[in-house]
Amino acid sequence: MSNTSHPFDEETWAQLPTIFENLPEPIHMIMWGDPAESEVERETAVLLESLTDRFEQLTTQVLPRRVNYHFYPVLGIMGGPAGEWHDFGLRLIGLPNGYAMTSFVTAVQAVSFRGMTLGAMSRIQLKKLTQPINIELFSAADNEAGALMAQPLFNMTVVNEHIRSFFIMADQFPTAVERYSINFLPHMVINGRVHMEGVVDESEILKQIAATTKSS
């Protein structure tokens, strides 16, 4: 077992092998940010390092801040090993702490398993999607329901190349919340126009995606 410091409680740390040692495909995690600039960026870097030191299927790297990102850190969950990874367009914005750690794990699993838990009918409907779709999902460390919304969203992102998803820690970036006047979490925004609050199923997300493409 690695002696690298980690942000997990002992119970969670002991359970991680059941998740990360059985991944069918390797995962490369990129963090855009600067650990010297903020505490959340430093803690996120420690989180990633502690996981990659322990699990062979995981690799990571830290890249400088980018002008097209407004909040940091930004995590990109890539499929494949370092140097050969594929970008599925899945991003987590902020330190995934509290209940958001479940969403982080879900993101890794969605990419490694290539979205295989997505329903068959959902896969069929997504094959019809040919327009760019950007989906922002706002959640928080104390928002348990956010993880329920993250799972279908991440799977859809992996299955269809036109979907990009952004899981945003609302409690860490209040200005992002104010932009959309969000009052309830989880909150999903499709292409900056279509809003959904609370927990909805795959079919409702697909319905709203379809409505967005028709109105664009």
N, C-alpha and C. Protein backbone atom coordinates (compact mmCIF):
# COMPACT_ATOMS: atom_id res chain seq x y z
N MET A 1 0.84 -1.20 0.00
CA MET A 1 0.00 0.00 0.00
C MET A 1 0.87 1.24 0.00
N SER A 2 0.47 2.26 -0.77
CA SER A 2 1.24 3.49 -0.86
C SER A 2 1.20 4.26 0.44
N ASN A 3 2.31 4.94 0.77
CA ASN A 3 2.37 5.76 1.97
C ASN A 3 2.10 7.22 1.67
N THR A 4 1.74 7.54 0.42
CA THR A 4 1.43 8.91 0.04
C THR A 4 0.25 9.42 0.85
N SER A 5 0.33 10.66 1.32
CA SER A 5 -0.79 11.24 2.07
C SER A 5 -2.01 11.31 1.16
N HIS A 6 -3.20 11.16 1.77
CA HIS A 6 -4.42 11.16 0.97
C HIS A 6 -5.55 11.83 1.75
N PRO A 7 -6.58 12.31 1.05
CA PRO A 7 -7.66 13.06 1.69
C PRO A 7 -8.83 12.19 2.14
N PHE A 8 -8.71 10.87 2.10
CA PHE A 8 -9.83 9.99 2.39
C PHE A 8 -9.85 9.57 3.86
N ASP A 9 -11.07 9.29 4.37
CA ASP A 9 -11.14 8.66 5.68
C ASP A 9 -10.72 7.20 5.51
N GLU A 10 -10.39 6.54 6.59
CA GLU A 10 -9.83 5.19 6.50
C GLU A 10 -10.80 4.18 5.90
N GLU A 11 -12.09 4.33 6.19
CA GLU A 11 -13.08 3.40 5.65
C GLU A 11 -13.14 3.50 4.13
N THR A 12 -13.19 4.75 3.63
CA THR A 12 -13.24 4.96 2.18
C THR A 12 -11.96 4.47 1.51
N TRP A 13 -10.82 4.78 2.12
CA TRP A 13 -9.53 4.38 1.58
C TRP A 13 -9.43 2.86 1.45
N ALA A 14 -10.02 2.16 2.40
CA ALA A 14 -9.99 0.70 2.38
C ALA A 14 -10.91 0.13 1.30
N GLN A 15 -11.93 0.88 0.90
CA GLN A 15 -12.89 0.40 -0.09
C GLN A 15 -12.46 0.68 -1.53
N LEU A 16 -11.52 1.58 -1.71
CA LEU A 16 -11.14 2.00 -3.06
C LEU A 16 -10.63 0.88 -3.97
N PRO A 17 -9.92 -0.12 -3.45
CA PRO A 17 -9.45 -1.19 -4.35
C PRO A 17 -10.58 -1.90 -5.09
N THR A 18 -11.74 -2.04 -4.46
CA THR A 18 -12.86 -2.71 -5.14
C THR A 18 -13.33 -1.90 -6.35
N ILE A 19 -13.02 -0.61 -6.37
CA ILE A 19 -13.43 0.26 -7.47
C ILE A 19 -12.34 0.36 -8.53
N PHE A 20 -11.14 0.72 -8.11
CA PHE A 20 -10.10 1.08 -9.06
C PHE A 20 -9.21 -0.08 -9.52
N GLU A 21 -9.23 -1.20 -8.81
CA GLU A 21 -8.40 -2.33 -9.23
C GLU A 21 -9.09 -3.18 -10.28
N ASN A 22 -10.36 -2.91 -10.54
CA ASN A 22 -11.12 -3.72 -11.49
C ASN A 22 -11.56 -2.93 -12.73
N LEU A 23 -10.89 -1.82 -13.00
CA LEU A 23 -11.23 -1.03 -14.18
C LEU A 23 -10.78 -1.76 -15.44
N PRO A 24 -11.65 -1.92 -16.44
CA PRO A 24 -11.28 -2.64 -17.66
C PRO A 24 -10.30 -1.89 -18.56
N GLU A 25 -10.36 -0.55 -18.52
CA GLU A 25 -9.47 0.27 -19.34
C GLU A 25 -8.77 1.29 -18.45
N PRO A 26 -7.50 1.61 -18.74
CA PRO A 26 -6.77 2.59 -17.93
C PRO A 26 -7.36 3.99 -18.06
N ILE A 27 -7.11 4.81 -17.06
CA ILE A 27 -7.62 6.18 -17.01
C ILE A 27 -6.47 7.15 -16.79
N HIS A 28 -6.45 8.22 -17.58
CA HIS A 28 -5.47 9.28 -17.41
C HIS A 28 -6.21 10.54 -16.98
N MET A 29 -5.83 11.08 -15.82
CA MET A 29 -6.53 12.24 -15.25
C MET A 29 -5.64 13.48 -15.37
N ILE A 30 -6.15 14.47 -16.08
CA ILE A 30 -5.41 15.72 -16.26
C ILE A 30 -6.02 16.80 -15.38
N MET A 31 -5.18 17.47 -14.62
CA MET A 31 -5.63 18.62 -13.85
C MET A 31 -5.03 19.88 -14.45
N TRP A 32 -5.91 20.79 -14.90
CA TRP A 32 -5.46 22.11 -15.31
C TRP A 32 -5.57 23.02 -14.10
N GLY A 33 -4.46 23.61 -13.72
CA GLY A 33 -4.46 24.47 -12.55
C GLY A 33 -3.05 24.61 -11.99
N ASP A 34 -2.95 25.32 -10.89
CA ASP A 34 -1.65 25.57 -10.26
C ASP A 34 -1.78 25.31 -8.76
N PRO A 35 -1.19 24.23 -8.26
CA PRO A 35 -1.29 23.91 -6.83
C PRO A 35 -0.77 25.03 -5.93
N ALA A 36 0.03 25.93 -6.46
CA ALA A 36 0.57 27.02 -5.66
C ALA A 36 -0.39 28.21 -5.58
N GLU A 37 -1.44 28.20 -6.41
CA GLU A 37 -2.35 29.33 -6.49
C GLU A 37 -3.50 29.28 -5.49
N SER A 38 -3.98 28.08 -5.16
CA SER A 38 -5.13 27.98 -4.25
C SER A 38 -5.11 26.66 -3.50
N GLU A 39 -5.82 26.64 -2.38
CA GLU A 39 -5.88 25.43 -1.56
C GLU A 39 -6.60 24.30 -2.28
N VAL A 40 -7.69 24.64 -3.00
CA VAL A 40 -8.45 23.58 -3.68
C VAL A 40 -7.62 22.95 -4.81
N GLU A 41 -6.80 23.73 -5.46
CA GLU A 41 -5.94 23.18 -6.51
C GLU A 41 -4.86 22.28 -5.90
N ARG A 42 -4.32 22.70 -4.78
CA ARG A 42 -3.32 21.87 -4.10
C ARG A 42 -3.94 20.56 -3.63
N GLU A 43 -5.12 20.65 -3.01
CA GLU A 43 -5.78 19.44 -2.49
C GLU A 43 -6.18 18.50 -3.62
N THR A 44 -6.57 19.05 -4.75
CA THR A 44 -6.94 18.21 -5.89
C THR A 44 -5.72 17.48 -6.43
N ALA A 45 -4.59 18.16 -6.49
CA ALA A 45 -3.36 17.53 -6.95
C ALA A 45 -2.95 16.39 -6.01
N VAL A 46 -3.11 16.60 -4.71
CA VAL A 46 -2.81 15.56 -3.72
C VAL A 46 -3.74 14.37 -3.90
N LEU A 47 -5.02 14.66 -4.13
CA LEU A 47 -6.01 13.60 -4.36
C LEU A 47 -5.59 12.71 -5.53
N LEU A 48 -5.27 13.33 -6.65
CA LEU A 48 -4.91 12.58 -7.85
C LEU A 48 -3.61 11.79 -7.64
N GLU A 49 -2.64 12.42 -7.00
CA GLU A 49 -1.36 11.75 -6.77
C GLU A 49 -1.53 10.54 -5.86
N SER A 50 -2.38 10.69 -4.82
CA SER A 50 -2.58 9.57 -3.90
C SER A 50 -3.21 8.38 -4.59
N LEU A 51 -4.09 8.64 -5.56
CA LEU A 51 -4.74 7.56 -6.29
C LEU A 51 -3.80 6.90 -7.30
N THR A 52 -3.05 7.72 -8.02
CA THR A 52 -2.15 7.15 -9.04
C THR A 52 -0.97 6.42 -8.41
N ASP A 53 -0.56 6.83 -7.22
CA ASP A 53 0.50 6.12 -6.52
C ASP A 53 0.05 4.73 -6.08
N ARG A 54 -1.24 4.58 -5.90
CA ARG A 54 -1.76 3.32 -5.37
C ARG A 54 -2.30 2.37 -6.44
N PHE A 55 -2.86 2.93 -7.51
CA PHE A 55 -3.55 2.08 -8.49
C PHE A 55 -2.89 2.18 -9.87
N GLU A 56 -2.48 1.04 -10.41
CA GLU A 56 -1.75 1.00 -11.68
C GLU A 56 -2.59 1.45 -12.87
N GLN A 57 -3.90 1.31 -12.79
CA GLN A 57 -4.76 1.68 -13.91
C GLN A 57 -4.94 3.19 -14.03
N LEU A 58 -4.47 3.94 -13.06
CA LEU A 58 -4.65 5.39 -13.05
C LEU A 58 -3.32 6.11 -13.23
N THR A 59 -3.32 7.12 -14.10
CA THR A 59 -2.16 8.01 -14.25
C THR A 59 -2.67 9.45 -14.22
N THR A 60 -1.78 10.38 -13.96
CA THR A 60 -2.21 11.78 -13.88
C THR A 60 -1.10 12.72 -14.30
N GLN A 61 -1.48 13.94 -14.62
CA GLN A 61 -0.52 15.01 -14.87
C GLN A 61 -1.18 16.35 -14.57
N VAL A 62 -0.36 17.32 -14.21
CA VAL A 62 -0.84 18.67 -13.94
C VAL A 62 -0.37 19.58 -15.06
N LEU A 63 -1.31 20.30 -15.67
CA LEU A 63 -0.99 21.24 -16.74
C LEU A 63 -1.33 22.66 -16.29
N PRO A 64 -0.69 23.67 -16.87
CA PRO A 64 -0.93 25.06 -16.46
C PRO A 64 -2.38 25.49 -16.69
N ARG A 65 -2.78 26.52 -16.00
CA ARG A 65 -4.09 27.12 -16.23
C ARG A 65 -4.23 27.55 -17.68
N ARG A 66 -5.49 27.48 -18.19
CA ARG A 66 -5.75 27.85 -19.59
C ARG A 66 -6.67 29.06 -19.63
N VAL A 67 -6.51 29.88 -20.65
CA VAL A 67 -7.28 31.12 -20.73
C VAL A 67 -8.77 30.86 -20.95
N ASN A 68 -9.13 29.70 -21.48
CA ASN A 68 -10.54 29.44 -21.78
C ASN A 68 -11.29 28.80 -20.61
N TYR A 69 -10.62 28.60 -19.48
CA TYR A 69 -11.30 28.12 -18.27
C TYR A 69 -11.40 29.27 -17.27
N HIS A 70 -12.58 29.40 -16.66
CA HIS A 70 -12.80 30.51 -15.73
C HIS A 70 -12.60 30.11 -14.27
N PHE A 71 -12.69 28.82 -13.98
CA PHE A 71 -12.57 28.34 -12.60
C PHE A 71 -11.57 27.19 -12.56
N TYR A 72 -10.90 27.06 -11.40
CA TYR A 72 -9.88 26.02 -11.25
C TYR A 72 -9.99 25.36 -9.88
N PRO A 73 -9.58 24.09 -9.80
CA PRO A 73 -8.98 23.27 -10.84
C PRO A 73 -10.01 22.70 -11.81
N VAL A 74 -9.54 22.31 -12.99
CA VAL A 74 -10.36 21.60 -13.97
C VAL A 74 -9.78 20.20 -14.13
N LEU A 75 -10.62 19.20 -13.96
CA LEU A 75 -10.19 17.81 -14.12
C LEU A 75 -10.75 17.23 -15.40
N GLY A 76 -9.89 16.67 -16.21
CA GLY A 76 -10.31 15.96 -17.41
C GLY A 76 -10.08 14.47 -17.22
N ILE A 77 -11.14 13.68 -17.33
CA ILE A 77 -11.03 12.23 -17.17
C ILE A 77 -10.89 11.61 -18.55
N MET A 78 -9.71 11.15 -18.87
CA MET A 78 -9.39 10.64 -20.21
C MET A 78 -9.32 9.12 -20.22
N GLY A 79 -9.68 8.53 -21.35
CA GLY A 79 -9.60 7.09 -21.49
C GLY A 79 -8.28 6.67 -22.09
N GLY A 80 -7.61 5.70 -21.47
CA GLY A 80 -6.33 5.22 -21.99
C GLY A 80 -5.17 5.61 -21.09
N PRO A 81 -4.00 5.06 -21.35
CA PRO A 81 -2.82 5.37 -20.55
C PRO A 81 -2.22 6.73 -20.91
N ALA A 82 -1.30 7.19 -20.09
CA ALA A 82 -0.61 8.45 -20.36
C ALA A 82 0.08 8.38 -21.71
N GLY A 83 -0.11 9.41 -22.52
CA GLY A 83 0.51 9.46 -23.84
C GLY A 83 -0.34 8.87 -24.94
N GLU A 84 -1.36 8.09 -24.58
CA GLU A 84 -2.21 7.46 -25.59
C GLU A 84 -3.69 7.65 -25.27
N TRP A 85 -4.00 8.63 -24.46
CA TRP A 85 -5.37 8.79 -23.98
C TRP A 85 -6.29 9.43 -25.01
N HIS A 86 -7.60 9.20 -24.80
CA HIS A 86 -8.64 9.79 -25.65
C HIS A 86 -9.51 10.69 -24.79
N ASP A 87 -9.79 11.89 -25.28
CA ASP A 87 -10.61 12.86 -24.55
C ASP A 87 -12.08 12.66 -24.91
N PHE A 88 -12.88 12.25 -23.94
CA PHE A 88 -14.31 12.05 -24.15
C PHE A 88 -15.13 13.31 -23.86
N GLY A 89 -14.46 14.40 -23.45
CA GLY A 89 -15.17 15.64 -23.18
C GLY A 89 -15.80 15.71 -21.81
N LEU A 90 -15.26 14.98 -20.85
CA LEU A 90 -15.82 14.95 -19.49
C LEU A 90 -14.92 15.75 -18.56
N ARG A 91 -15.51 16.75 -17.90
CA ARG A 91 -14.74 17.62 -17.02
C ARG A 91 -15.42 17.75 -15.65
N LEU A 92 -14.60 17.86 -14.60
CA LEU A 92 -15.07 18.20 -13.27
C LEU A 92 -14.37 19.48 -12.87
N ILE A 93 -15.15 20.46 -12.42
CA ILE A 93 -14.61 21.77 -12.07
C ILE A 93 -14.64 21.93 -10.55
N GLY A 94 -13.46 22.04 -9.95
CA GLY A 94 -13.37 22.17 -8.51
C GLY A 94 -12.89 20.89 -7.85
N LEU A 95 -12.65 20.96 -6.55
CA LEU A 95 -12.23 19.80 -5.77
C LEU A 95 -13.44 18.91 -5.50
N PRO A 96 -13.44 17.66 -5.97
CA PRO A 96 -14.59 16.78 -5.75
C PRO A 96 -14.59 16.19 -4.34
N ASN A 97 -15.09 16.97 -3.39
CA ASN A 97 -15.11 16.50 -2.01
C ASN A 97 -16.54 16.17 -1.58
N GLY A 98 -16.67 15.58 -0.40
CA GLY A 98 -18.00 15.21 0.10
C GLY A 98 -18.68 14.22 -0.83
N TYR A 99 -19.97 14.45 -1.06
CA TYR A 99 -20.73 13.57 -1.96
C TYR A 99 -20.21 13.64 -3.40
N ALA A 100 -19.53 14.72 -3.74
CA ALA A 100 -19.02 14.85 -5.11
C ALA A 100 -17.91 13.84 -5.40
N MET A 101 -17.32 13.26 -4.35
CA MET A 101 -16.33 12.21 -4.58
C MET A 101 -16.97 11.03 -5.29
N THR A 102 -18.25 10.77 -4.98
CA THR A 102 -18.97 9.70 -5.67
C THR A 102 -19.06 10.01 -7.16
N SER A 103 -19.30 11.27 -7.50
CA SER A 103 -19.39 11.68 -8.90
C SER A 103 -18.03 11.55 -9.59
N PHE A 104 -16.97 11.84 -8.87
CA PHE A 104 -15.62 11.66 -9.41
C PHE A 104 -15.37 10.19 -9.76
N VAL A 105 -15.72 9.30 -8.83
CA VAL A 105 -15.58 7.86 -9.07
C VAL A 105 -16.44 7.43 -10.25
N THR A 106 -17.67 7.97 -10.31
CA THR A 106 -18.58 7.65 -11.41
C THR A 106 -17.98 8.08 -12.75
N ALA A 107 -17.32 9.22 -12.77
CA ALA A 107 -16.69 9.71 -14.00
C ALA A 107 -15.60 8.75 -14.47
N VAL A 108 -14.78 8.30 -13.54
CA VAL A 108 -13.72 7.35 -13.87
C VAL A 108 -14.31 6.05 -14.41
N GLN A 109 -15.35 5.56 -13.75
CA GLN A 109 -15.98 4.31 -14.18
C GLN A 109 -16.65 4.47 -15.54
N ALA A 110 -17.32 5.59 -15.75
CA ALA A 110 -18.00 5.81 -17.03
C ALA A 110 -17.03 5.77 -18.19
N VAL A 111 -15.86 6.39 -18.02
CA VAL A 111 -14.87 6.40 -19.08
C VAL A 111 -14.22 5.02 -19.25
N SER A 112 -13.85 4.40 -18.14
CA SER A 112 -13.18 3.11 -18.22
C SER A 112 -14.08 2.02 -18.80
N PHE A 113 -15.37 2.05 -18.42
CA PHE A 113 -16.32 1.06 -18.92
C PHE A 113 -17.02 1.52 -20.20
N ARG A 114 -16.61 2.69 -20.71
CA ARG A 114 -17.15 3.24 -21.95
C ARG A 114 -18.67 3.40 -21.91
N GLY A 115 -19.18 3.83 -20.75
CA GLY A 115 -20.61 4.14 -20.63
C GLY A 115 -21.52 2.94 -20.75
N MET A 116 -21.04 1.76 -20.43
CA MET A 116 -21.80 0.54 -20.68
C MET A 116 -23.07 0.42 -19.85
N THR A 117 -23.19 1.17 -18.74
CA THR A 117 -24.40 1.08 -17.92
C THR A 117 -25.53 1.96 -18.45
N LEU A 118 -25.28 2.70 -19.52
CA LEU A 118 -26.35 3.50 -20.12
C LEU A 118 -27.36 2.57 -20.78
N GLY A 119 -28.65 2.89 -20.62
CA GLY A 119 -29.71 2.04 -21.16
C GLY A 119 -29.64 1.89 -22.67
N ALA A 120 -30.11 0.75 -23.16
CA ALA A 120 -30.06 0.45 -24.60
C ALA A 120 -30.85 1.46 -25.42
N MET A 121 -32.04 1.84 -24.94
CA MET A 121 -32.86 2.82 -25.66
C MET A 121 -32.18 4.18 -25.71
N SER A 122 -31.50 4.53 -24.62
CA SER A 122 -30.78 5.80 -24.59
C SER A 122 -29.66 5.81 -25.63
N ARG A 123 -28.98 4.68 -25.78
CA ARG A 123 -27.91 4.58 -26.77
C ARG A 123 -28.46 4.76 -28.19
N ILE A 124 -29.61 4.16 -28.44
CA ILE A 124 -30.24 4.27 -29.76
C ILE A 124 -30.59 5.72 -30.06
N GLN A 125 -31.17 6.41 -29.06
CA GLN A 125 -31.55 7.80 -29.26
C GLN A 125 -30.34 8.70 -29.47
N LEU A 126 -29.28 8.41 -28.75
CA LEU A 126 -28.08 9.24 -28.86
C LEU A 126 -27.40 9.12 -30.22
N LYS A 127 -27.62 8.01 -30.90
CA LYS A 127 -27.03 7.84 -32.23
C LYS A 127 -27.56 8.88 -33.22
N LYS A 128 -28.73 9.44 -32.91
CA LYS A 128 -29.33 10.44 -33.79
C LYS A 128 -28.75 11.83 -33.57
N LEU A 129 -28.03 12.00 -32.46
CA LEU A 129 -27.50 13.32 -32.11
C LEU A 129 -26.26 13.64 -32.92
N THR A 130 -26.31 14.74 -33.66
CA THR A 130 -25.17 15.14 -34.49
C THR A 130 -24.75 16.58 -34.23
N GLN A 131 -25.41 17.27 -33.29
CA GLN A 131 -25.09 18.66 -32.98
C GLN A 131 -24.35 18.75 -31.65
N PRO A 132 -23.50 19.76 -31.49
CA PRO A 132 -22.75 19.93 -30.24
C PRO A 132 -23.69 20.22 -29.06
N ILE A 133 -23.48 19.52 -27.96
CA ILE A 133 -24.26 19.73 -26.75
C ILE A 133 -23.30 19.90 -25.58
N ASN A 134 -23.40 21.03 -24.89
CA ASN A 134 -22.62 21.27 -23.68
C ASN A 134 -23.56 21.23 -22.48
N ILE A 135 -23.28 20.37 -21.53
CA ILE A 135 -24.15 20.22 -20.37
C ILE A 135 -23.36 20.53 -19.10
N GLU A 136 -23.88 21.49 -18.33
CA GLU A 136 -23.28 21.84 -17.04
C GLU A 136 -24.15 21.27 -15.93
N LEU A 137 -23.55 20.55 -15.01
CA LEU A 137 -24.27 20.01 -13.86
C LEU A 137 -23.69 20.62 -12.59
N PHE A 138 -24.50 21.40 -11.90
CA PHE A 138 -24.07 22.05 -10.67
C PHE A 138 -24.46 21.20 -9.47
N SER A 139 -23.48 20.95 -8.61
CA SER A 139 -23.72 20.17 -7.40
C SER A 139 -22.85 20.76 -6.29
N ALA A 140 -22.72 20.04 -5.17
CA ALA A 140 -21.93 20.55 -4.06
C ALA A 140 -21.51 19.39 -3.16
N ALA A 141 -20.62 19.66 -2.23
CA ALA A 141 -20.12 18.62 -1.34
C ALA A 141 -21.22 17.99 -0.52
N ASP A 142 -22.26 18.77 -0.17
CA ASP A 142 -23.35 18.25 0.66
C ASP A 142 -24.58 17.88 -0.16
N ASN A 143 -24.44 17.81 -1.49
CA ASN A 143 -25.57 17.52 -2.37
C ASN A 143 -25.50 16.06 -2.85
N GLU A 144 -26.14 15.18 -2.11
CA GLU A 144 -26.09 13.74 -2.44
C GLU A 144 -26.74 13.43 -3.78
N ALA A 145 -27.80 14.17 -4.11
CA ALA A 145 -28.54 13.91 -5.35
C ALA A 145 -27.71 14.22 -6.59
N GLY A 146 -26.69 15.04 -6.45
CA GLY A 146 -25.87 15.38 -7.61
C GLY A 146 -25.23 14.16 -8.25
N ALA A 147 -24.86 13.18 -7.43
CA ALA A 147 -24.24 11.97 -7.95
C ALA A 147 -25.22 11.16 -8.79
N LEU A 148 -26.51 11.23 -8.44
CA LEU A 148 -27.53 10.51 -9.20
C LEU A 148 -27.68 11.09 -10.60
N MET A 149 -27.51 12.39 -10.71
CA MET A 149 -27.60 13.04 -12.02
C MET A 149 -26.31 12.87 -12.82
N ALA A 150 -25.20 12.76 -12.11
CA ALA A 150 -23.90 12.65 -12.78
C ALA A 150 -23.76 11.35 -13.56
N GLN A 151 -24.29 10.27 -13.02
CA GLN A 151 -24.09 8.97 -13.67
C GLN A 151 -24.64 8.91 -15.10
N PRO A 152 -25.92 9.22 -15.34
CA PRO A 152 -26.39 9.18 -16.73
C PRO A 152 -25.71 10.22 -17.62
N LEU A 153 -25.42 11.38 -17.05
CA LEU A 153 -24.77 12.43 -17.83
C LEU A 153 -23.39 11.99 -18.30
N PHE A 154 -22.59 11.44 -17.40
CA PHE A 154 -21.24 11.00 -17.77
C PHE A 154 -21.29 9.87 -18.79
N ASN A 155 -22.22 8.95 -18.62
CA ASN A 155 -22.35 7.86 -19.59
C ASN A 155 -22.70 8.38 -20.97
N MET A 156 -23.62 9.34 -21.04
CA MET A 156 -24.00 9.93 -22.32
C MET A 156 -22.82 10.63 -22.97
N THR A 157 -22.02 11.29 -22.15
CA THR A 157 -20.85 12.00 -22.65
C THR A 157 -19.85 11.04 -23.30
N VAL A 158 -19.67 9.90 -22.69
CA VAL A 158 -18.73 8.91 -23.22
C VAL A 158 -19.28 8.25 -24.48
N VAL A 159 -20.58 8.01 -24.51
CA VAL A 159 -21.20 7.28 -25.62
C VAL A 159 -21.30 8.13 -26.88
N ASN A 160 -21.56 9.45 -26.73
CA ASN A 160 -21.74 10.30 -27.90
C ASN A 160 -20.68 11.40 -27.94
N GLU A 161 -19.94 11.46 -29.03
CA GLU A 161 -18.82 12.40 -29.16
C GLU A 161 -19.25 13.86 -29.22
N HIS A 162 -20.54 14.12 -29.45
CA HIS A 162 -21.01 15.50 -29.57
C HIS A 162 -21.38 16.11 -28.22
N ILE A 163 -21.40 15.30 -27.17
CA ILE A 163 -21.77 15.80 -25.84
C ILE A 163 -20.51 16.07 -25.02
N ARG A 164 -20.46 17.26 -24.43
CA ARG A 164 -19.41 17.60 -23.47
C ARG A 164 -20.09 17.93 -22.15
N SER A 165 -19.56 17.41 -21.06
CA SER A 165 -20.19 17.63 -19.76
C SER A 165 -19.22 18.28 -18.79
N PHE A 166 -19.79 19.13 -17.94
CA PHE A 166 -19.02 19.87 -16.95
C PHE A 166 -19.72 19.74 -15.59
N PHE A 167 -19.11 19.01 -14.68
CA PHE A 167 -19.63 18.85 -13.32
C PHE A 167 -18.99 19.95 -12.48
N ILE A 168 -19.80 20.89 -12.00
CA ILE A 168 -19.28 22.10 -11.36
C ILE A 168 -19.65 22.13 -9.88
N MET A 169 -18.64 22.35 -9.03
CA MET A 169 -18.86 22.45 -7.60
C MET A 169 -19.42 23.84 -7.27
N ALA A 170 -20.73 23.92 -7.12
CA ALA A 170 -21.40 25.20 -6.92
C ALA A 170 -20.97 25.89 -5.63
N ASP A 171 -20.66 25.11 -4.60
CA ASP A 171 -20.28 25.70 -3.32
C ASP A 171 -18.88 26.32 -3.36
N GLN A 172 -18.09 25.96 -4.36
CA GLN A 172 -16.75 26.52 -4.49
C GLN A 172 -16.69 27.71 -5.45
N PHE A 173 -17.70 27.83 -6.31
CA PHE A 173 -17.70 28.89 -7.32
C PHE A 173 -19.06 29.60 -7.36
N PRO A 174 -19.34 30.44 -6.37
CA PRO A 174 -20.64 31.12 -6.29
C PRO A 174 -20.95 32.01 -7.49
N THR A 175 -19.94 32.55 -8.14
CA THR A 175 -20.21 33.41 -9.31
C THR A 175 -20.81 32.59 -10.45
N ALA A 176 -20.43 31.31 -10.55
CA ALA A 176 -21.02 30.45 -11.57
C ALA A 176 -22.49 30.21 -11.28
N VAL A 177 -22.83 30.11 -10.00
CA VAL A 177 -24.22 29.91 -9.59
C VAL A 177 -25.04 31.16 -9.88
N GLU A 178 -24.47 32.31 -9.59
CA GLU A 178 -25.17 33.58 -9.81
C GLU A 178 -25.46 33.82 -11.28
N ARG A 179 -24.61 33.33 -12.15
CA ARG A 179 -24.78 33.53 -13.59
C ARG A 179 -26.12 32.97 -14.06
N TYR A 180 -26.52 31.84 -13.48
CA TYR A 180 -27.78 31.20 -13.89
C TYR A 180 -28.89 31.38 -12.85
N SER A 181 -28.62 32.16 -11.79
CA SER A 181 -29.60 32.37 -10.71
C SER A 181 -30.10 31.03 -10.16
N ILE A 182 -29.17 30.15 -9.85
CA ILE A 182 -29.51 28.81 -9.34
C ILE A 182 -29.88 28.88 -7.87
N ASN A 183 -31.02 28.27 -7.53
CA ASN A 183 -31.49 28.26 -6.15
C ASN A 183 -31.62 26.85 -5.58
N PHE A 184 -31.47 25.84 -6.43
CA PHE A 184 -31.67 24.46 -5.99
C PHE A 184 -30.67 23.55 -6.68
N LEU A 185 -30.13 22.60 -5.93
CA LEU A 185 -29.17 21.64 -6.47
C LEU A 185 -29.72 20.22 -6.35
N PRO A 186 -29.35 19.34 -7.29
CA PRO A 186 -28.53 19.59 -8.48
C PRO A 186 -29.28 20.38 -9.53
N HIS A 187 -28.54 21.07 -10.36
CA HIS A 187 -29.12 21.92 -11.41
C HIS A 187 -28.35 21.67 -12.70
N MET A 188 -29.06 21.31 -13.75
CA MET A 188 -28.44 20.99 -15.03
C MET A 188 -28.81 22.04 -16.07
N VAL A 189 -27.83 22.47 -16.85
CA VAL A 189 -28.06 23.47 -17.89
C VAL A 189 -27.53 22.91 -19.21
N ILE A 190 -28.40 22.87 -20.22
CA ILE A 190 -28.02 22.34 -21.53
C ILE A 190 -27.83 23.50 -22.51
N ASN A 191 -26.64 23.60 -23.06
CA ASN A 191 -26.29 24.66 -24.02
C ASN A 191 -26.64 26.06 -23.51
N GLY A 192 -26.56 26.24 -22.20
CA GLY A 192 -26.78 27.55 -21.60
C GLY A 192 -28.21 28.03 -21.62
N ARG A 193 -29.16 27.17 -22.06
CA ARG A 193 -30.55 27.63 -22.22
C ARG A 193 -31.58 26.78 -21.48
N VAL A 194 -31.48 25.50 -21.61
CA VAL A 194 -32.48 24.60 -21.02
C VAL A 194 -32.04 24.20 -19.62
N HIS A 195 -32.93 24.42 -18.64
CA HIS A 195 -32.60 24.16 -17.24
C HIS A 195 -33.44 23.02 -16.68
N MET A 196 -32.81 22.20 -15.84
CA MET A 196 -33.51 21.14 -15.11
C MET A 196 -33.02 21.13 -13.67
N GLU A 197 -33.95 21.04 -12.72
CA GLU A 197 -33.60 20.99 -11.31
C GLU A 197 -33.96 19.63 -10.72
N GLY A 198 -33.20 19.22 -9.72
CA GLY A 198 -33.50 17.98 -9.04
C GLY A 198 -33.05 16.76 -9.83
N VAL A 199 -33.56 15.61 -9.42
CA VAL A 199 -33.18 14.35 -10.05
C VAL A 199 -34.19 13.97 -11.12
N VAL A 200 -33.72 13.76 -12.33
CA VAL A 200 -34.57 13.31 -13.43
C VAL A 200 -33.91 12.08 -14.06
N ASP A 201 -34.68 11.29 -14.80
CA ASP A 201 -34.13 10.06 -15.36
C ASP A 201 -33.50 10.31 -16.74
N GLU A 202 -32.91 9.26 -17.28
CA GLU A 202 -32.24 9.34 -18.57
C GLU A 202 -33.16 9.87 -19.66
N SER A 203 -34.39 9.37 -19.68
CA SER A 203 -35.31 9.74 -20.76
C SER A 203 -35.62 11.22 -20.75
N GLU A 204 -35.71 11.82 -19.57
CA GLU A 204 -36.00 13.25 -19.48
C GLU A 204 -34.80 14.07 -19.96
N ILE A 205 -33.60 13.64 -19.61
CA ILE A 205 -32.40 14.33 -20.10
C ILE A 205 -32.35 14.28 -21.62
N LEU A 206 -32.61 13.10 -22.18
CA LEU A 206 -32.60 12.94 -23.64
C LEU A 206 -33.68 13.78 -24.29
N LYS A 207 -34.83 13.87 -23.65
CA LYS A 207 -35.93 14.68 -24.17
C LYS A 207 -35.52 16.14 -24.25
N GLN A 208 -34.86 16.63 -23.22
CA GLN A 208 -34.43 18.03 -23.19
C GLN A 208 -33.28 18.28 -24.16
N ILE A 209 -32.41 17.30 -24.34
CA ILE A 209 -31.35 17.43 -25.34
C ILE A 209 -31.96 17.55 -26.72
N ALA A 210 -32.96 16.71 -27.01
CA ALA A 210 -33.63 16.75 -28.31
C ALA A 210 -34.31 18.09 -28.52
N ALA A 211 -34.95 18.62 -27.47
CA ALA A 211 -35.62 19.91 -27.57
C ALA A 211 -34.61 21.02 -27.84
N THR A 212 -33.44 20.91 -27.24
CA THR A 212 -32.40 21.91 -27.45
C THR A 212 -31.91 21.92 -28.89
N THR A 213 -31.73 20.75 -29.46
CA THR A 213 -31.24 20.67 -30.84
C THR A 213 -32.27 21.19 -31.83
N LYS A 214 -33.55 21.00 -31.53
CA LYS A 214 -34.61 21.46 -32.43
C LYS A 214 -34.75 22.98 -32.41
N SER A 215 -34.43 23.59 -31.25
CA SER A 215 -34.60 25.04 -31.11
C SER A 215 -33.36 25.81 -31.51
N SER A 216 -32.26 25.09 -31.76
CA SER A 216 -31.01 25.78 -32.09
C SER A 216 -30.95 26.16 -33.56
